[in-house]
Amino acid sequence: MKTFLVCLGILLGATAGIAAGIREGMSLPEVEAALGAPVSSMSKGDVTVLTYPNRGRVEFEGGKVVRLSRVRHADDPPTAQELAAADAAKTEAQARTEREVEAAAEAKSAKENAAAEAEMTKSNAEHQRQIETAVEQMMQAHDTQRTNDDAEDAGITSVPLHFWVELAIALVVQVGVGMVILKLAFAWADVHADWGQMFLPAFAGAAAGALVRGTAYALWQTDQLFRLDDAVSYGVLLFVLLKATHACTWQRAAGVAMASKLMSMVVWVFLSVALSRVLFT
């Protein structure tokens, strides 16, 4: 818009230059604005005469032009020199406009390229940061997993209190679960036994397993016994069944003890997971 206005002004100025001239009735300031300053000026009464180069002459009476000679009249057609000057001015204005348009286009293109380059640099930096963060998180996760694996391989628990609380809860729960399972196992073996007879074998078997686990943890800081505690618990349970219940034969006692132990192991797996989530999460 600014370029358009500049060009319009140049063209209007050139047109005004072509049409520059005076006519009768114009005032002194108007004549001087059209022709410029005169070579000389003479006044007598209300008559004023302005002299211009090439014997140009403009006479005023009462402050208005009354006669003029050898000066450009407003109604005269433009000369060849004036037309040529106007064409040159127009050509120069067009060339200037084209240069300004090209310069504006180049500036806009440079600005867009700079913005695109800055955006690409920002995007690359963000992508690099995300990659570095992901790699760091993977390394931390790997180190944590390796530490946990080493602790598991060594059989060392990171929170000793967790083991003892779980061991105590397991003893209580296994006694109760063992009594119920023994009752069902006796019914399966077609052996009559009341609930009082179920407590001693259930407690003895659970206590034997807990004692083995607690001793191993206290001495060697490990709870990976490869079912040694279950084997000891089964042996004690079988022995107590033979001595304290009506399962008077080895075959019957072994069947009841085996069924009881298998069922208690399955039940305890589900209960231990549920209790760990409730107590330690």
C-alpha atoms as a PDB file:
ATOM      1  CA  MET A   1       0.000   0.000   0.000  1.00  0.00           C
ATOM      2  CA  LYS A   2       2.848   2.384   0.868  1.00  0.00           C
ATOM      3  CA  THR A   3       4.608   1.619  -2.417  1.00  0.00           C
ATOM      4  CA  PHE A   4       1.381   2.232  -4.337  1.00  0.00           C
ATOM      5  CA  LEU A   5       0.915   5.659  -2.722  1.00  0.00           C
ATOM      6  CA  VAL A   6       4.522   6.643  -3.486  1.00  0.00           C
ATOM      7  CA  CYS A   7       4.111   5.703  -7.123  1.00  0.00           C
ATOM      8  CA  LEU A   8       0.805   7.548  -7.329  1.00  0.00           C
ATOM      9  CA  GLY A   9       2.422  10.680  -5.916  1.00  0.00           C
ATOM     10  CA  ILE A  10       5.271  10.515  -8.424  1.00  0.00           C
ATOM     11  CA  LEU A  11       2.853  10.138 -11.323  1.00  0.00           C
ATOM     12  CA  LEU A  12       0.697  13.024 -10.075  1.00  0.00           C
ATOM     13  CA  GLY A  13       3.797  15.165  -9.675  1.00  0.00           C
ATOM     14  CA  ALA A  14       4.890  14.374 -13.213  1.00  0.00           C
ATOM     15  CA  THR A  15       1.406  15.209 -14.528  1.00  0.00           C
ATOM     16  CA  ALA A  16       1.420  18.438 -12.577  1.00  0.00           C
ATOM     17  CA  GLY A  17       4.809  19.289 -14.055  1.00  0.00           C
ATOM     18  CA  ILE A  18       3.435  18.783 -17.547  1.00  0.00           C
ATOM     19  CA  ALA A  19       0.390  20.944 -16.838  1.00  0.00           C
ATOM     20  CA  ALA A  20       2.361  23.618 -14.998  1.00  0.00           C
ATOM     21  CA  GLY A  21       1.382  27.094 -16.249  1.00  0.00           C
ATOM     22  CA  ILE A  22      -0.529  30.226 -15.367  1.00  0.00           C
ATOM     23  CA  ARG A  23      -3.636  31.955 -16.596  1.00  0.00           C
ATOM     24  CA  GLU A  24      -5.314  35.319 -16.193  1.00  0.00           C
ATOM     25  CA  GLY A  25      -6.794  35.909 -12.768  1.00  0.00           C
ATOM     26  CA  MET A  26      -4.182  33.991 -10.755  1.00  0.00           C
ATOM     27  CA  SER A  27      -2.656  35.639  -7.707  1.00  0.00           C
ATOM     28  CA  LEU A  28       1.013  36.417  -7.156  1.00  0.00           C
ATOM     29  CA  PRO A  29       1.643  33.423  -4.826  1.00  0.00           C
ATOM     30  CA  GLU A  30      -0.027  31.108  -7.357  1.00  0.00           C
ATOM     31  CA  VAL A  31       2.175  32.405 -10.175  1.00  0.00           C
ATOM     32  CA  GLU A  32       5.350  32.018  -8.107  1.00  0.00           C
ATOM     33  CA  ALA A  33       4.262  28.493  -7.142  1.00  0.00           C
ATOM     34  CA  ALA A  34       3.812  27.589 -10.840  1.00  0.00           C
ATOM     35  CA  LEU A  35       6.788  29.453 -12.395  1.00  0.00           C
ATOM     36  CA  GLY A  36       9.132  29.896  -9.482  1.00  0.00           C
ATOM     37  CA  ALA A  37      10.832  33.056  -8.301  1.00  0.00           C
ATOM     38  CA  PRO A  38      11.073  35.807 -10.970  1.00  0.00           C
ATOM     39  CA  VAL A  39      14.321  37.364 -12.202  1.00  0.00           C
ATOM     40  CA  SER A  40      13.055  40.803 -11.213  1.00  0.00           C
ATOM     41  CA  SER A  41       9.944  42.505  -9.951  1.00  0.00           C
ATOM     42  CA  MET A  42       8.676  46.079 -10.427  1.00  0.00           C
ATOM     43  CA  SER A  43       5.623  47.712  -8.899  1.00  0.00           C
ATOM     44  CA  LYS A  44       3.851  50.974  -9.572  1.00  0.00           C
ATOM     45  CA  GLY A  45       0.586  51.673  -7.875  1.00  0.00           C
ATOM     46  CA  ASP A  46      -1.531  48.558  -8.112  1.00  0.00           C
ATOM     47  CA  VAL A  47       0.433  47.319 -11.111  1.00  0.00           C
ATOM     48  CA  THR A  48       3.190  44.737 -10.598  1.00  0.00           C
ATOM     49  CA  VAL A  49       5.420  43.270 -13.289  1.00  0.00           C
ATOM     50  CA  LEU A  50       7.397  40.057 -12.858  1.00  0.00           C
ATOM     51  CA  THR A  51      10.231  39.290 -15.251  1.00  0.00           C
ATOM     52  CA  TYR A  52      11.347  35.696 -15.992  1.00  0.00           C
ATOM     53  CA  PRO A  53      14.186  34.286 -18.139  1.00  0.00           C
ATOM     54  CA  ASN A  54      13.942  34.468 -21.937  1.00  0.00           C
ATOM     55  CA  ARG A  55      12.084  37.812 -21.587  1.00  0.00           C
ATOM     56  CA  GLY A  56       9.137  36.218 -19.882  1.00  0.00           C
ATOM     57  CA  ARG A  57       6.786  38.783 -18.381  1.00  0.00           C
ATOM     58  CA  VAL A  58       3.697  38.642 -16.136  1.00  0.00           C
ATOM     59  CA  GLU A  59       1.667  41.739 -15.276  1.00  0.00           C
ATOM     60  CA  PHE A  60      -0.654  42.071 -12.260  1.00  0.00           C
ATOM     61  CA  GLU A  61      -3.340  44.626 -11.599  1.00  0.00           C
ATOM     62  CA  GLY A  62      -5.063  44.581  -8.282  1.00  0.00           C
ATOM     63  CA  GLY A  63      -3.065  41.448  -7.326  1.00  0.00           C
ATOM     64  CA  LYS A  64      -4.371  39.402 -10.299  1.00  0.00           C
ATOM     65  CA  VAL A  65      -2.690  38.383 -13.580  1.00  0.00           C
ATOM     66  CA  VAL A  66      -3.950  40.525 -16.480  1.00  0.00           C
ATOM     67  CA  ARG A  67      -1.280  39.930 -19.128  1.00  0.00           C
ATOM     68  CA  LEU A  68       1.552  37.446 -19.730  1.00  0.00           C
ATOM     69  CA  SER A  69       4.084  36.917 -22.496  1.00  0.00           C
ATOM     70  CA  ARG A  70       6.732  34.285 -23.156  1.00  0.00           C
ATOM     71  CA  VAL A  71       5.666  32.223 -20.170  1.00  0.00           C
ATOM     72  CA  ARG A  72       3.765  29.018 -20.066  1.00  0.00           C
ATOM     73  CA  HIS A  73       0.008  29.410 -20.244  1.00  0.00           C
ATOM     74  CA  ALA A  74      -2.090  26.813 -18.372  1.00  0.00           C
ATOM     75  CA  ASP A  75      -3.936  25.916 -21.593  1.00  0.00           C
ATOM     76  CA  ASP A  76      -0.785  25.386 -23.672  1.00  0.00           C
ATOM     77  CA  PRO A  77       0.034  21.753 -24.602  1.00  0.00           C
ATOM     78  CA  PRO A  78       3.157  20.265 -23.019  1.00  0.00           C
ATOM     79  CA  THR A  79       6.386  20.455 -24.948  1.00  0.00           C
ATOM     80  CA  ALA A  80       8.385  17.488 -26.174  1.00  0.00           C
ATOM     81  CA  GLN A  81      10.956  18.044 -23.427  1.00  0.00           C
ATOM     82  CA  GLU A  82       8.223  18.030 -20.786  1.00  0.00           C
ATOM     83  CA  LEU A  83       6.689  14.834 -22.215  1.00  0.00           C
ATOM     84  CA  ALA A  84      10.101  13.168 -22.271  1.00  0.00           C
ATOM     85  CA  ALA A  85      10.744  14.223 -18.674  1.00  0.00           C
ATOM     86  CA  ALA A  86       7.332  12.867 -17.643  1.00  0.00           C
ATOM     87  CA  ASP A  87       8.052   9.509 -19.362  1.00  0.00           C
ATOM     88  CA  ALA A  88      11.442   9.305 -17.676  1.00  0.00           C
ATOM     89  CA  ALA A  89       9.844  10.023 -14.307  1.00  0.00           C
ATOM     90  CA  LYS A  90       7.200   7.375 -14.923  1.00  0.00           C
ATOM     91  CA  THR A  91       9.821   4.788 -15.949  1.00  0.00           C
ATOM     92  CA  GLU A  92      11.916   5.576 -12.888  1.00  0.00           C
ATOM     93  CA  ALA A  93       8.836   5.245 -10.652  1.00  0.00           C
ATOM     94  CA  GLN A  94       8.018   1.856 -12.161  1.00  0.00           C
ATOM     95  CA  ALA A  95      11.612   0.668 -11.749  1.00  0.00           C
ATOM     96  CA  ARG A  96      11.649   1.875  -8.146  1.00  0.00           C
ATOM     97  CA  THR A  97       8.367   0.062  -7.504  1.00  0.00           C
ATOM     98  CA  GLU A  98       9.738  -3.181  -8.964  1.00  0.00           C
ATOM     99  CA  ARG A  99      12.888  -2.879  -6.839  1.00  0.00           C
ATOM    100  CA  GLU A 100      10.829  -2.309  -3.703  1.00  0.00           C
ATOM    101  CA  VAL A 101       8.565  -5.287  -4.516  1.00  0.00           C
ATOM    102  CA  GLU A 102      11.598  -7.536  -5.093  1.00  0.00           C
ATOM    103  CA  ALA A 103      13.230  -6.330  -1.886  1.00  0.00           C
ATOM    104  CA  ALA A 104      10.010  -6.976   0.068  1.00  0.00           C
ATOM    105  CA  ALA A 105       9.707 -10.465  -1.441  1.00  0.00           C
ATOM    106  CA  GLU A 106      13.336 -11.266  -0.595  1.00  0.00           C
ATOM    107  CA  ALA A 107      12.876 -10.001   2.971  1.00  0.00           C
ATOM    108  CA  LYS A 108       9.713 -12.075   3.378  1.00  0.00           C
ATOM    109  CA  SER A 109      11.438 -15.173   1.991  1.00  0.00           C
ATOM    110  CA  ALA A 110      14.437 -14.676   4.278  1.00  0.00           C
ATOM    111  CA  LYS A 111      12.128 -14.245   7.269  1.00  0.00           C
ATOM    112  CA  GLU A 112      10.197 -17.411   6.391  1.00  0.00           C
ATOM    113  CA  ASN A 113      13.433 -19.369   5.894  1.00  0.00           C
ATOM    114  CA  ALA A 114      14.768 -18.152   9.237  1.00  0.00           C
ATOM    115  CA  ALA A 115      11.517 -19.111  10.976  1.00  0.00           C
ATOM    116  CA  ALA A 116      11.541 -22.562   9.345  1.00  0.00           C
ATOM    117  CA  GLU A 117      15.175 -23.106  10.318  1.00  0.00           C
ATOM    118  CA  ALA A 118      14.476 -22.027  13.887  1.00  0.00           C
ATOM    119  CA  GLU A 119      11.470 -24.370  14.069  1.00  0.00           C
ATOM    120  CA  MET A 120      13.532 -27.250  12.679  1.00  0.00           C
ATOM    121  CA  THR A 121      16.306 -26.558  15.193  1.00  0.00           C
ATOM    122  CA  LYS A 122      13.771 -26.488  18.023  1.00  0.00           C
ATOM    123  CA  SER A 123      12.176 -29.720  16.811  1.00  0.00           C
ATOM    124  CA  ASN A 124      15.553 -31.453  16.542  1.00  0.00           C
ATOM    125  CA  ALA A 125      16.512 -30.301  20.024  1.00  0.00           C
ATOM    126  CA  GLU A 126      13.212 -31.566  21.463  1.00  0.00           C
ATOM    127  CA  HIS A 127      13.597 -34.890  19.656  1.00  0.00           C
ATOM    128  CA  GLN A 128      17.158 -35.235  20.958  1.00  0.00           C
ATOM    129  CA  ARG A 129      15.990 -34.434  24.478  1.00  0.00           C
ATOM    130  CA  GLN A 130      13.261 -37.086  24.266  1.00  0.00           C
ATOM    131  CA  ILE A 131      15.760 -39.670  23.052  1.00  0.00           C
ATOM    132  CA  GLU A 132      18.188 -38.835  25.865  1.00  0.00           C
ATOM    133  CA  THR A 133      15.372 -39.004  28.443  1.00  0.00           C
ATOM    134  CA  ALA A 134      14.188 -42.370  27.095  1.00  0.00           C
ATOM    135  CA  VAL A 135      17.727 -43.765  27.137  1.00  0.00           C
ATOM    136  CA  GLU A 136      18.275 -42.516  30.688  1.00  0.00           C
ATOM    137  CA  GLN A 137      14.999 -44.071  31.846  1.00  0.00           C
ATOM    138  CA  MET A 138      15.912 -47.363  30.185  1.00  0.00           C
ATOM    139  CA  MET A 139      19.317 -47.349  31.876  1.00  0.00           C
ATOM    140  CA  GLN A 140      17.756 -46.601  35.254  1.00  0.00           C
ATOM    141  CA  ALA A 141      15.185 -49.356  34.778  1.00  0.00           C
ATOM    142  CA  HIS A 142      17.938 -51.771  33.744  1.00  0.00           C
ATOM    143  CA  ASP A 143      20.058 -50.876  36.796  1.00  0.00           C
ATOM    144  CA  THR A 144      17.048 -51.256  39.101  1.00  0.00           C
ATOM    145  CA  GLN A 145      16.134 -54.611  37.578  1.00  0.00           C
ATOM    146  CA  ARG A 146      19.718 -55.833  37.845  1.00  0.00           C
ATOM    147  CA  THR A 147      19.843 -54.790  41.509  1.00  0.00           C
ATOM    148  CA  ASN A 148      16.588 -56.594  42.179  1.00  0.00           C
ATOM    149  CA  ASP A 149      17.807 -59.673  40.330  1.00  0.00           C
ATOM    150  CA  ASP A 150      21.032 -59.682  42.323  1.00  0.00           C
ATOM    151  CA  ALA A 151      19.082 -59.393  45.552  1.00  0.00           C
ATOM    152  CA  GLU A 152      16.772 -62.213  44.508  1.00  0.00           C
ATOM    153  CA  ASP A 153      19.717 -64.389  43.484  1.00  0.00           C
ATOM    154  CA  ALA A 154      21.328 -63.808  46.864  1.00  0.00           C
ATOM    155  CA  GLY A 155      18.009 -64.466  48.600  1.00  0.00           C
ATOM    156  CA  ILE A 156      18.263 -61.155  50.466  1.00  0.00           C
ATOM    157  CA  THR A 157      15.096 -59.210  51.081  1.00  0.00           C
ATOM    158  CA  SER A 158      15.369 -55.421  51.071  1.00  0.00           C
ATOM    159  CA  VAL A 159      12.947 -55.010  53.965  1.00  0.00           C
ATOM    160  CA  PRO A 160      13.541 -57.669  56.718  1.00  0.00           C
ATOM    161  CA  LEU A 161      10.373 -56.639  58.555  1.00  0.00           C
ATOM    162  CA  HIS A 162       8.367 -57.633  55.519  1.00  0.00           C
ATOM    163  CA  PHE A 163       9.587 -61.228  55.791  1.00  0.00           C
ATOM    164  CA  TRP A 164       8.833 -61.636  59.491  1.00  0.00           C
ATOM    165  CA  VAL A 165       5.375 -60.078  59.231  1.00  0.00           C
ATOM    166  CA  GLU A 166       4.562 -62.334  56.295  1.00  0.00           C
ATOM    167  CA  LEU A 167       5.904 -65.359  58.188  1.00  0.00           C
ATOM    168  CA  ALA A 168       3.730 -64.629  61.234  1.00  0.00           C
ATOM    169  CA  ILE A 169       0.635 -64.053  59.121  1.00  0.00           C
ATOM    170  CA  ALA A 170       1.363 -67.215  57.148  1.00  0.00           C
ATOM    171  CA  LEU A 171       1.568 -69.251  60.356  1.00  0.00           C
ATOM    172  CA  VAL A 172      -1.809 -68.025  61.606  1.00  0.00           C
ATOM    173  CA  VAL A 173      -3.540 -68.320  58.244  1.00  0.00           C
ATOM    174  CA  GLN A 174      -2.040 -71.718  57.444  1.00  0.00           C
ATOM    175  CA  VAL A 175      -3.255 -73.117  60.761  1.00  0.00           C
ATOM    176  CA  GLY A 176      -6.817 -72.027  60.020  1.00  0.00           C
ATOM    177  CA  VAL A 177      -6.681 -73.064  56.386  1.00  0.00           C
ATOM    178  CA  GLY A 178      -4.992 -76.341  57.354  1.00  0.00           C
ATOM    179  CA  MET A 179      -7.751 -77.222  59.798  1.00  0.00           C
ATOM    180  CA  VAL A 180     -10.431 -76.707  57.136  1.00  0.00           C
ATOM    181  CA  ILE A 181      -8.466 -78.622  54.509  1.00  0.00           C
ATOM    182  CA  LEU A 182      -7.701 -81.482  56.956  1.00  0.00           C
ATOM    183  CA  LYS A 183     -11.381 -81.756  57.766  1.00  0.00           C
ATOM    184  CA  LEU A 184     -12.182 -81.989  54.054  1.00  0.00           C
ATOM    185  CA  ALA A 185      -9.319 -84.443  53.488  1.00  0.00           C
ATOM    186  CA  PHE A 186     -10.538 -86.685  56.306  1.00  0.00           C
ATOM    187  CA  ALA A 187     -14.023 -86.613  54.859  1.00  0.00           C
ATOM    188  CA  TRP A 188     -12.545 -87.517  51.466  1.00  0.00           C
ATOM    189  CA  ALA A 189     -10.670 -90.439  53.106  1.00  0.00           C
ATOM    190  CA  ASP A 190     -13.858 -91.491  54.924  1.00  0.00           C
ATOM    191  CA  VAL A 191     -12.251 -90.928  58.366  1.00  0.00           C
ATOM    192  CA  HIS A 192     -14.248 -89.345  61.166  1.00  0.00           C
ATOM    193  CA  ALA A 193     -12.433 -86.600  63.095  1.00  0.00           C
ATOM    194  CA  ASP A 194     -13.698 -83.616  65.046  1.00  0.00           C
ATOM    195  CA  TRP A 195     -12.338 -80.044  64.822  1.00  0.00           C
ATOM    196  CA  GLY A 196     -10.305 -80.427  67.998  1.00  0.00           C
ATOM    197  CA  GLN A 197      -8.264 -83.168  66.401  1.00  0.00           C
ATOM    198  CA  MET A 198      -7.577 -80.931  63.394  1.00  0.00           C
ATOM    199  CA  PHE A 199      -5.803 -78.179  65.330  1.00  0.00           C
ATOM    200  CA  LEU A 200      -2.703 -80.065  66.492  1.00  0.00           C
ATOM    201  CA  PRO A 201      -1.677 -81.494  63.085  1.00  0.00           C
ATOM    202  CA  ALA A 202      -2.477 -78.211  61.321  1.00  0.00           C
ATOM    203  CA  PHE A 203      -0.463 -76.200  63.833  1.00  0.00           C
ATOM    204  CA  ALA A 204       2.420 -78.682  63.872  1.00  0.00           C
ATOM    205  CA  GLY A 205       2.731 -78.709  60.079  1.00  0.00           C
ATOM    206  CA  ALA A 206       2.492 -74.907  59.729  1.00  0.00           C
ATOM    207  CA  ALA A 207       4.887 -74.301  62.638  1.00  0.00           C
ATOM    208  CA  ALA A 208       7.461 -76.729  61.198  1.00  0.00           C
ATOM    209  CA  GLY A 209       7.457 -74.961  57.825  1.00  0.00           C
ATOM    210  CA  ALA A 210       7.640 -71.524  59.477  1.00  0.00           C
ATOM    211  CA  LEU A 211      10.511 -72.661  61.699  1.00  0.00           C
ATOM    212  CA  VAL A 212      12.531 -73.849  58.689  1.00  0.00           C
ATOM    213  CA  ARG A 213      11.960 -70.590  56.793  1.00  0.00           C
ATOM    214  CA  GLY A 214      12.702 -68.396  59.781  1.00  0.00           C
ATOM    215  CA  THR A 215      15.919 -70.290  60.624  1.00  0.00           C
ATOM    216  CA  ALA A 216      17.179 -70.079  57.023  1.00  0.00           C
ATOM    217  CA  TYR A 217      16.478 -66.361  56.860  1.00  0.00           C
ATOM    218  CA  ALA A 218      18.052 -65.632  60.231  1.00  0.00           C
ATOM    219  CA  LEU A 219      21.231 -67.591  59.437  1.00  0.00           C
ATOM    220  CA  TRP A 220      21.731 -67.063  55.702  1.00  0.00           C
ATOM    221  CA  GLN A 221      19.372 -64.160  54.826  1.00  0.00           C
ATOM    222  CA  THR A 222      17.507 -66.232  52.259  1.00  0.00           C
ATOM    223  CA  ASP A 223      13.974 -67.436  51.830  1.00  0.00           C
ATOM    224  CA  GLN A 224      14.674 -69.516  48.709  1.00  0.00           C
ATOM    225  CA  LEU A 225      14.442 -73.013  50.203  1.00  0.00           C
ATOM    226  CA  PHE A 226      13.297 -74.919  47.119  1.00  0.00           C
ATOM    227  CA  ARG A 227      10.271 -76.323  48.981  1.00  0.00           C
ATOM    228  CA  LEU A 228      12.392 -77.669  51.834  1.00  0.00           C
ATOM    229  CA  ASP A 229       9.995 -76.039  54.293  1.00  0.00           C
ATOM    230  CA  ASP A 230       7.045 -77.753  52.601  1.00  0.00           C
ATOM    231  CA  ALA A 231       8.806 -81.126  52.791  1.00  0.00           C
ATOM    232  CA  VAL A 232       9.540 -80.707  56.506  1.00  0.00           C
ATOM    233  CA  SER A 233       5.986 -79.483  57.094  1.00  0.00           C
ATOM    234  CA  TYR A 234       4.614 -82.541  55.285  1.00  0.00           C
ATOM    235  CA  GLY A 235       6.759 -84.933  57.348  1.00  0.00           C
ATOM    236  CA  VAL A 236       5.704 -83.355  60.637  1.00  0.00           C
ATOM    237  CA  LEU A 237       2.051 -83.301  59.544  1.00  0.00           C
ATOM    238  CA  LEU A 238       2.217 -86.998  58.613  1.00  0.00           C
ATOM    239  CA  PHE A 239       3.824 -87.892  61.927  1.00  0.00           C
ATOM    240  CA  VAL A 240       1.264 -85.969  64.004  1.00  0.00           C
ATOM    241  CA  LEU A 241      -1.593 -87.449  61.997  1.00  0.00           C
ATOM    242  CA  LEU A 242      -0.370 -90.938  62.833  1.00  0.00           C
ATOM    243  CA  LYS A 243      -0.001 -90.165  66.527  1.00  0.00           C
ATOM    244  CA  ALA A 244      -2.933 -87.855  67.286  1.00  0.00           C
ATOM    245  CA  THR A 245      -5.797 -88.824  64.941  1.00  0.00           C
ATOM    246  CA  HIS A 246      -7.765 -91.834  63.849  1.00  0.00           C
ATOM    247  CA  ALA A 247      -5.709 -92.123  60.659  1.00  0.00           C
ATOM    248  CA  CYS A 248      -3.977 -95.147  62.113  1.00  0.00           C
ATOM    249  CA  THR A 249      -2.500 -96.553  58.910  1.00  0.00           C
ATOM    250  CA  TRP A 250       0.403 -95.172  56.900  1.00  0.00           C
ATOM    251  CA  GLN A 251      -1.546 -95.285  53.653  1.00  0.00           C
ATOM    252  CA  ARG A 252      -4.490 -93.333  55.039  1.00  0.00           C
ATOM    253  CA  ALA A 253      -2.315 -90.836  56.889  1.00  0.00           C
ATOM    254  CA  ALA A 254      -0.121 -90.281  53.792  1.00  0.00           C
ATOM    255  CA  GLY A 255      -3.168 -89.720  51.606  1.00  0.00           C
ATOM    256  CA  VAL A 256      -4.726 -87.244  54.032  1.00  0.00           C
ATOM    257  CA  ALA A 257      -1.415 -85.414  54.565  1.00  0.00           C
ATOM    258  CA  MET A 258      -0.702 -85.236  50.816  1.00  0.00           C
ATOM    259  CA  ALA A 259      -4.176 -83.933  49.974  1.00  0.00           C
ATOM    260  CA  SER A 260      -4.042 -81.443  52.842  1.00  0.00           C
ATOM    261  CA  LYS A 261      -0.599 -80.169  51.889  1.00  0.00           C
ATOM    262  CA  LEU A 262      -1.366 -79.720  48.205  1.00  0.00           C
ATOM    263  CA  MET A 263      -4.616 -77.903  48.898  1.00  0.00           C
ATOM    264  CA  SER A 264      -3.013 -75.658  51.533  1.00  0.00           C
ATOM    265  CA  MET A 265      -0.170 -74.712  49.131  1.00  0.00           C
ATOM    266  CA  VAL A 266      -2.641 -73.710  46.430  1.00  0.00           C
ATOM    267  CA  VAL A 267      -4.818 -71.740  48.841  1.00  0.00           C
ATOM    268  CA  TRP A 268      -1.830 -70.025  50.444  1.00  0.00           C
ATOM    269  CA  VAL A 269      -0.470 -68.803  47.100  1.00  0.00           C
ATOM    270  CA  PHE A 270      -3.674 -66.873  46.442  1.00  0.00           C
ATOM    271  CA  LEU A 271      -3.944 -65.633  50.022  1.00  0.00           C
ATOM    272  CA  SER A 272      -0.301 -64.490  50.185  1.00  0.00           C
ATOM    273  CA  VAL A 273      -0.666 -62.417  47.033  1.00  0.00           C
ATOM    274  CA  ALA A 274      -3.862 -60.798  48.315  1.00  0.00           C
ATOM    275  CA  LEU A 275      -2.405 -60.103  51.768  1.00  0.00           C
ATOM    276  CA  SER A 276       0.823 -58.635  50.337  1.00  0.00           C
ATOM    277  CA  ARG A 277      -1.152 -56.181  48.224  1.00  0.00           C
ATOM    278  CA  VAL A 278      -3.311 -55.155  51.165  1.00  0.00           C
ATOM    279  CA  LEU A 279      -0.475 -54.779  53.695  1.00  0.00           C
ATOM    280  CA  PHE A 280       2.456 -53.521  51.647  1.00  0.00           C
ATOM    281  CA  THR A 281       1.010 -51.479  48.761  1.00  0.00           C
END
